[in-house]
Amino acid sequence: MFAIEREVLVEVDARALADTDLLTESEVERLALIDVDSLTDILAEIEALARVDSLANMLAESDSLVEVDSLTDVLAEIEALSNANSSASILAEVEVLVEADWLALTEAD
């Protein structure tokens, strides 16, 4: 009688171990799926951040180009004004010299 009980206990233990193995396998599979989902989420976040960085860089480059264009325009205007002022001053100096020469010639006559 003890032998039969012992066989039943062994069989029950074997089934319990098999159930435990199945539970362990399903838990491992569940954790693996969670890990895959987590990795997918992480990759999606990384991709989104990379896109944001790319857009930020593109905007920064665009802003820089606009600033450079603006600065180039401002420098061109300054240079034009400077040239105009230089031309005006040169003309004024030439007029003064011409008048001085004319006066000198008039006095000499």
N, C-alpha and C. Protein backbone atom coordinates (compact mmCIF):
# COMPACT_ATOMS: atom_id res chain seq x y z
N MET A 1 0.80 -1.18 0.00
CA MET A 1 0.00 0.00 0.00
C MET A 1 0.86 1.26 0.00
N PHE A 2 1.92 1.19 0.76
CA PHE A 2 2.82 2.34 0.77
C PHE A 2 3.46 2.55 -0.59
N ALA A 3 3.67 1.45 -1.29
CA ALA A 3 4.29 1.55 -2.62
C ALA A 3 3.36 2.28 -3.57
N ILE A 4 2.08 2.01 -3.49
CA ILE A 4 1.12 2.69 -4.37
C ILE A 4 1.05 4.17 -4.02
N GLU A 5 0.99 4.46 -2.73
CA GLU A 5 0.97 5.87 -2.31
C GLU A 5 2.24 6.58 -2.76
N ARG A 6 3.33 5.87 -2.67
CA ARG A 6 4.62 6.45 -3.07
C ARG A 6 4.61 6.74 -4.57
N GLU A 7 4.08 5.81 -5.37
CA GLU A 7 4.00 6.02 -6.82
C GLU A 7 3.11 7.21 -7.14
N VAL A 8 1.99 7.30 -6.43
CA VAL A 8 1.07 8.42 -6.64
C VAL A 8 1.76 9.73 -6.28
N LEU A 9 2.48 9.76 -5.18
CA LEU A 9 3.20 10.97 -4.77
C LEU A 9 4.26 11.35 -5.79
N VAL A 10 4.97 10.34 -6.29
CA VAL A 10 6.00 10.60 -7.31
C VAL A 10 5.34 11.16 -8.56
N GLU A 11 4.20 10.58 -8.94
CA GLU A 11 3.50 11.05 -10.13
C GLU A 11 2.98 12.48 -9.92
N VAL A 12 2.45 12.74 -8.73
CA VAL A 12 1.96 14.09 -8.41
C VAL A 12 3.13 15.07 -8.43
N ASP A 13 4.27 14.68 -7.86
CA ASP A 13 5.46 15.53 -7.87
C ASP A 13 5.92 15.80 -9.30
N ALA A 14 5.88 14.77 -10.13
CA ALA A 14 6.30 14.93 -11.52
C ALA A 14 5.38 15.90 -12.25
N ARG A 15 4.07 15.77 -12.00
CA ARG A 15 3.13 16.69 -12.64
C ARG A 15 3.32 18.12 -12.11
N ALA A 16 3.55 18.23 -10.82
CA ALA A 16 3.79 19.55 -10.24
C ALA A 16 5.03 20.19 -10.85
N LEU A 17 6.08 19.38 -11.02
CA LEU A 17 7.30 19.90 -11.65
C LEU A 17 7.05 20.30 -13.10
N ALA A 18 6.26 19.49 -13.81
CA ALA A 18 5.94 19.81 -15.20
C ALA A 18 5.14 21.11 -15.27
N ASP A 19 4.17 21.24 -14.35
CA ASP A 19 3.39 22.49 -14.30
C ASP A 19 4.29 23.68 -13.98
N THR A 20 5.22 23.45 -13.05
CA THR A 20 6.16 24.51 -12.69
C THR A 20 7.02 24.88 -13.89
N ASP A 21 7.47 23.87 -14.63
CA ASP A 21 8.26 24.14 -15.84
C ASP A 21 7.45 24.95 -16.85
N LEU A 22 6.18 24.56 -17.03
CA LEU A 22 5.33 25.30 -17.97
C LEU A 22 5.13 26.74 -17.51
N LEU A 23 4.89 26.89 -16.21
CA LEU A 23 4.73 28.24 -15.67
C LEU A 23 6.01 29.05 -15.85
N THR A 24 7.14 28.40 -15.58
CA THR A 24 8.42 29.08 -15.74
C THR A 24 8.63 29.48 -17.19
N GLU A 25 8.33 28.55 -18.12
CA GLU A 25 8.49 28.87 -19.54
C GLU A 25 7.57 30.01 -19.96
N SER A 26 6.32 29.97 -19.49
CA SER A 26 5.40 31.04 -19.88
C SER A 26 5.83 32.37 -19.26
N GLU A 27 6.37 32.31 -18.05
CA GLU A 27 6.86 33.54 -17.41
C GLU A 27 8.07 34.09 -18.17
N VAL A 28 8.95 33.18 -18.58
CA VAL A 28 10.12 33.60 -19.36
C VAL A 28 9.67 34.22 -20.68
N GLU A 29 8.69 33.57 -21.34
CA GLU A 29 8.17 34.12 -22.60
C GLU A 29 7.53 35.49 -22.37
N ARG A 30 6.78 35.61 -21.29
CA ARG A 30 6.13 36.89 -20.97
C ARG A 30 7.18 37.98 -20.74
N LEU A 31 8.22 37.63 -19.97
CA LEU A 31 9.29 38.60 -19.72
C LEU A 31 10.03 38.96 -21.00
N ALA A 32 10.22 37.97 -21.86
CA ALA A 32 10.88 38.23 -23.14
C ALA A 32 10.04 39.18 -23.98
N LEU A 33 8.72 38.96 -23.99
CA LEU A 33 7.84 39.86 -24.74
C LEU A 33 7.86 41.27 -24.16
N ILE A 34 7.88 41.35 -22.84
CA ILE A 34 7.98 42.66 -22.18
C ILE A 34 9.28 43.33 -22.57
N ASP A 35 10.38 42.55 -22.56
CA ASP A 35 11.68 43.11 -22.95
C ASP A 35 11.64 43.60 -24.39
N VAL A 36 11.02 42.82 -25.28
CA VAL A 36 10.92 43.23 -26.69
C VAL A 36 10.11 44.51 -26.79
N ASP A 37 8.98 44.57 -26.07
CA ASP A 37 8.16 45.79 -26.08
C ASP A 37 8.95 46.97 -25.55
N SER A 38 9.68 46.74 -24.45
CA SER A 38 10.49 47.81 -23.88
C SER A 38 11.55 48.28 -24.86
N LEU A 39 12.21 47.32 -25.50
CA LEU A 39 13.24 47.69 -26.49
C LEU A 39 12.62 48.44 -27.66
N THR A 40 11.44 48.00 -28.10
CA THR A 40 10.76 48.70 -29.19
C THR A 40 10.43 50.13 -28.78
N ASP A 41 9.93 50.28 -27.54
CA ASP A 41 9.63 51.62 -27.05
C ASP A 41 10.88 52.48 -26.96
N ILE A 42 11.95 51.89 -26.44
CA ILE A 42 13.21 52.62 -26.31
C ILE A 42 13.72 53.04 -27.69
N LEU A 43 13.67 52.11 -28.65
CA LEU A 43 14.12 52.44 -30.01
C LEU A 43 13.26 53.54 -30.62
N ALA A 44 11.96 53.47 -30.37
CA ALA A 44 11.06 54.52 -30.89
C ALA A 44 11.41 55.87 -30.28
N GLU A 45 11.68 55.88 -28.97
CA GLU A 45 12.06 57.13 -28.30
C GLU A 45 13.38 57.66 -28.84
N ILE A 46 14.35 56.76 -29.03
CA ILE A 46 15.65 57.17 -29.57
C ILE A 46 15.47 57.76 -30.96
N GLU A 47 14.66 57.10 -31.78
CA GLU A 47 14.41 57.59 -33.14
C GLU A 47 13.74 58.96 -33.10
N ALA A 48 12.77 59.12 -32.20
CA ALA A 48 12.09 60.41 -32.07
C ALA A 48 13.07 61.49 -31.63
N LEU A 49 13.93 61.16 -30.66
CA LEU A 49 14.92 62.13 -30.20
C LEU A 49 15.90 62.48 -31.31
N ALA A 50 16.29 61.48 -32.09
CA ALA A 50 17.21 61.74 -33.21
C ALA A 50 16.56 62.67 -34.22
N ARG A 51 15.27 62.44 -34.48
CA ARG A 51 14.55 63.32 -35.42
C ARG A 51 14.47 64.73 -34.87
N VAL A 52 14.18 64.85 -33.57
CA VAL A 52 14.11 66.17 -32.95
C VAL A 52 15.47 66.86 -33.04
N ASP A 53 16.54 66.11 -32.76
CA ASP A 53 17.89 66.68 -32.87
C ASP A 53 18.17 67.13 -34.29
N SER A 54 17.79 66.30 -35.27
CA SER A 54 18.01 66.66 -36.67
C SER A 54 17.24 67.93 -37.02
N LEU A 55 15.98 68.00 -36.57
CA LEU A 55 15.19 69.20 -36.85
C LEU A 55 15.79 70.41 -36.16
N ALA A 56 16.24 70.22 -34.92
CA ALA A 56 16.85 71.34 -34.19
C ALA A 56 18.11 71.81 -34.91
N ASN A 57 18.92 70.85 -35.38
CA ASN A 57 20.13 71.21 -36.11
C ASN A 57 19.79 71.93 -37.41
N MET A 58 18.76 71.42 -38.12
CA MET A 58 18.37 72.07 -39.37
C MET A 58 17.88 73.49 -39.10
N LEU A 59 17.10 73.66 -38.03
CA LEU A 59 16.62 75.00 -37.70
C LEU A 59 17.77 75.91 -37.30
N ALA A 60 18.71 75.38 -36.53
CA ALA A 60 19.87 76.18 -36.12
C ALA A 60 20.68 76.60 -37.34
N GLU A 61 20.88 75.66 -38.27
CA GLU A 61 21.62 75.99 -39.49
C GLU A 61 20.85 77.03 -40.30
N SER A 62 19.55 76.86 -40.39
CA SER A 62 18.71 77.81 -41.13
C SER A 62 18.81 79.20 -40.49
N ASP A 63 18.69 79.24 -39.14
CA ASP A 63 18.82 80.52 -38.43
C ASP A 63 20.19 81.13 -38.67
N SER A 64 21.23 80.30 -38.63
CA SER A 64 22.59 80.79 -38.87
C SER A 64 22.71 81.37 -40.26
N LEU A 65 22.14 80.66 -41.24
CA LEU A 65 22.21 81.16 -42.62
C LEU A 65 21.46 82.48 -42.76
N VAL A 66 20.30 82.59 -42.10
CA VAL A 66 19.54 83.84 -42.14
C VAL A 66 20.35 84.95 -41.49
N GLU A 67 20.98 84.64 -40.33
CA GLU A 67 21.80 85.64 -39.65
C GLU A 67 22.97 86.06 -40.52
N VAL A 68 23.61 85.09 -41.18
CA VAL A 68 24.73 85.41 -42.06
C VAL A 68 24.27 86.29 -43.21
N ASP A 69 23.12 85.93 -43.80
CA ASP A 69 22.57 86.75 -44.88
C ASP A 69 22.28 88.16 -44.39
N SER A 70 21.67 88.26 -43.19
CA SER A 70 21.36 89.57 -42.63
C SER A 70 22.64 90.35 -42.38
N LEU A 71 23.64 89.69 -41.79
CA LEU A 71 24.91 90.36 -41.53
C LEU A 71 25.58 90.79 -42.82
N THR A 72 25.51 89.93 -43.84
CA THR A 72 26.10 90.27 -45.13
C THR A 72 25.41 91.51 -45.70
N ASP A 73 24.07 91.54 -45.61
CA ASP A 73 23.33 92.71 -46.09
C ASP A 73 23.72 93.96 -45.32
N VAL A 74 23.80 93.83 -43.99
CA VAL A 74 24.17 94.98 -43.15
C VAL A 74 25.58 95.45 -43.50
N LEU A 75 26.52 94.50 -43.65
CA LEU A 75 27.89 94.88 -44.00
C LEU A 75 27.94 95.56 -45.37
N ALA A 76 27.16 95.06 -46.31
CA ALA A 76 27.12 95.68 -47.64
C ALA A 76 26.59 97.11 -47.54
N GLU A 77 25.55 97.31 -46.73
CA GLU A 77 25.01 98.66 -46.55
C GLU A 77 26.03 99.57 -45.89
N ILE A 78 26.71 99.05 -44.86
CA ILE A 78 27.74 99.85 -44.18
C ILE A 78 28.84 100.22 -45.15
N GLU A 79 29.26 99.24 -45.95
CA GLU A 79 30.32 99.50 -46.92
C GLU A 79 29.87 100.54 -47.94
N ALA A 80 28.62 100.41 -48.40
CA ALA A 80 28.10 101.39 -49.36
C ALA A 80 28.06 102.78 -48.75
N LEU A 81 27.58 102.87 -47.51
CA LEU A 81 27.55 104.17 -46.83
C LEU A 81 28.95 104.71 -46.62
N SER A 82 29.86 103.83 -46.25
CA SER A 82 31.25 104.23 -46.04
C SER A 82 31.85 104.75 -47.34
N ASN A 83 31.59 104.02 -48.43
CA ASN A 83 32.09 104.46 -49.73
C ASN A 83 31.47 105.79 -50.13
N ALA A 84 30.18 105.93 -49.87
CA ALA A 84 29.50 107.19 -50.20
C ALA A 84 30.09 108.33 -49.39
N ASN A 85 30.32 108.06 -48.08
CA ASN A 85 30.91 109.10 -47.23
C ASN A 85 32.32 109.42 -47.68
N SER A 86 33.07 108.38 -48.04
CA SER A 86 34.44 108.60 -48.51
C SER A 86 34.42 109.42 -49.80
N SER A 87 33.52 109.06 -50.70
CA SER A 87 33.42 109.79 -51.97
C SER A 87 33.05 111.24 -51.70
N ALA A 88 32.10 111.44 -50.79
CA ALA A 88 31.68 112.80 -50.47
C ALA A 88 32.83 113.58 -49.86
N SER A 89 33.58 112.96 -48.93
CA SER A 89 34.70 113.67 -48.31
C SER A 89 35.80 113.95 -49.31
N ILE A 90 36.05 112.97 -50.20
CA ILE A 90 37.09 113.17 -51.22
C ILE A 90 36.69 114.33 -52.13
N LEU A 91 35.41 114.33 -52.53
CA LEU A 91 34.94 115.42 -53.39
C LEU A 91 35.05 116.77 -52.68
N ALA A 92 34.71 116.79 -51.40
CA ALA A 92 34.81 118.03 -50.63
C ALA A 92 36.26 118.49 -50.56
N GLU A 93 37.18 117.56 -50.33
CA GLU A 93 38.60 117.92 -50.27
C GLU A 93 39.09 118.43 -51.63
N VAL A 94 38.66 117.76 -52.70
CA VAL A 94 39.06 118.19 -54.04
C VAL A 94 38.53 119.59 -54.32
N GLU A 95 37.27 119.85 -53.93
CA GLU A 95 36.70 121.18 -54.13
C GLU A 95 37.50 122.23 -53.38
N VAL A 96 37.87 121.92 -52.14
CA VAL A 96 38.66 122.86 -51.34
C VAL A 96 40.00 123.12 -52.02
N LEU A 97 40.65 122.05 -52.49
CA LEU A 97 41.95 122.21 -53.16
C LEU A 97 41.81 123.00 -54.46
N VAL A 98 40.75 122.71 -55.22
CA VAL A 98 40.53 123.44 -56.47
C VAL A 98 40.30 124.92 -56.19
N GLU A 99 39.48 125.20 -55.17
CA GLU A 99 39.23 126.59 -54.81
C GLU A 99 40.51 127.27 -54.36
N ALA A 100 41.31 126.55 -53.57
CA ALA A 100 42.57 127.13 -53.10
C ALA A 100 43.50 127.40 -54.27
N ASP A 101 43.56 126.45 -55.19
CA ASP A 101 44.40 126.66 -56.37
C ASP A 101 43.87 127.82 -57.21
N TRP A 102 42.57 127.91 -57.36
CA TRP A 102 41.98 128.98 -58.16
C TRP A 102 42.27 130.33 -57.53
N LEU A 103 42.14 130.37 -56.16
CA LEU A 103 42.45 131.62 -55.47
C LEU A 103 43.92 131.98 -55.62
N ALA A 104 44.76 130.96 -55.53
CA ALA A 104 46.20 131.21 -55.68
C ALA A 104 46.50 131.73 -57.08
N LEU A 105 45.86 131.16 -58.07
CA LEU A 105 46.07 131.61 -59.45
C LEU A 105 45.52 133.02 -59.66
N THR A 106 44.38 133.31 -59.04
CA THR A 106 43.79 134.63 -59.18
C THR A 106 44.67 135.67 -58.53
N GLU A 107 45.20 135.35 -57.37
CA GLU A 107 46.07 136.29 -56.67
C GLU A 107 47.37 136.49 -57.44
N ALA A 108 47.82 135.44 -58.08
CA ALA A 108 49.07 135.52 -58.83
C ALA A 108 48.90 136.41 -60.05
N ASP A 109 47.70 136.47 -60.59
CA ASP A 109 47.48 137.31 -61.78
C ASP A 109 47.45 138.71 -61.34
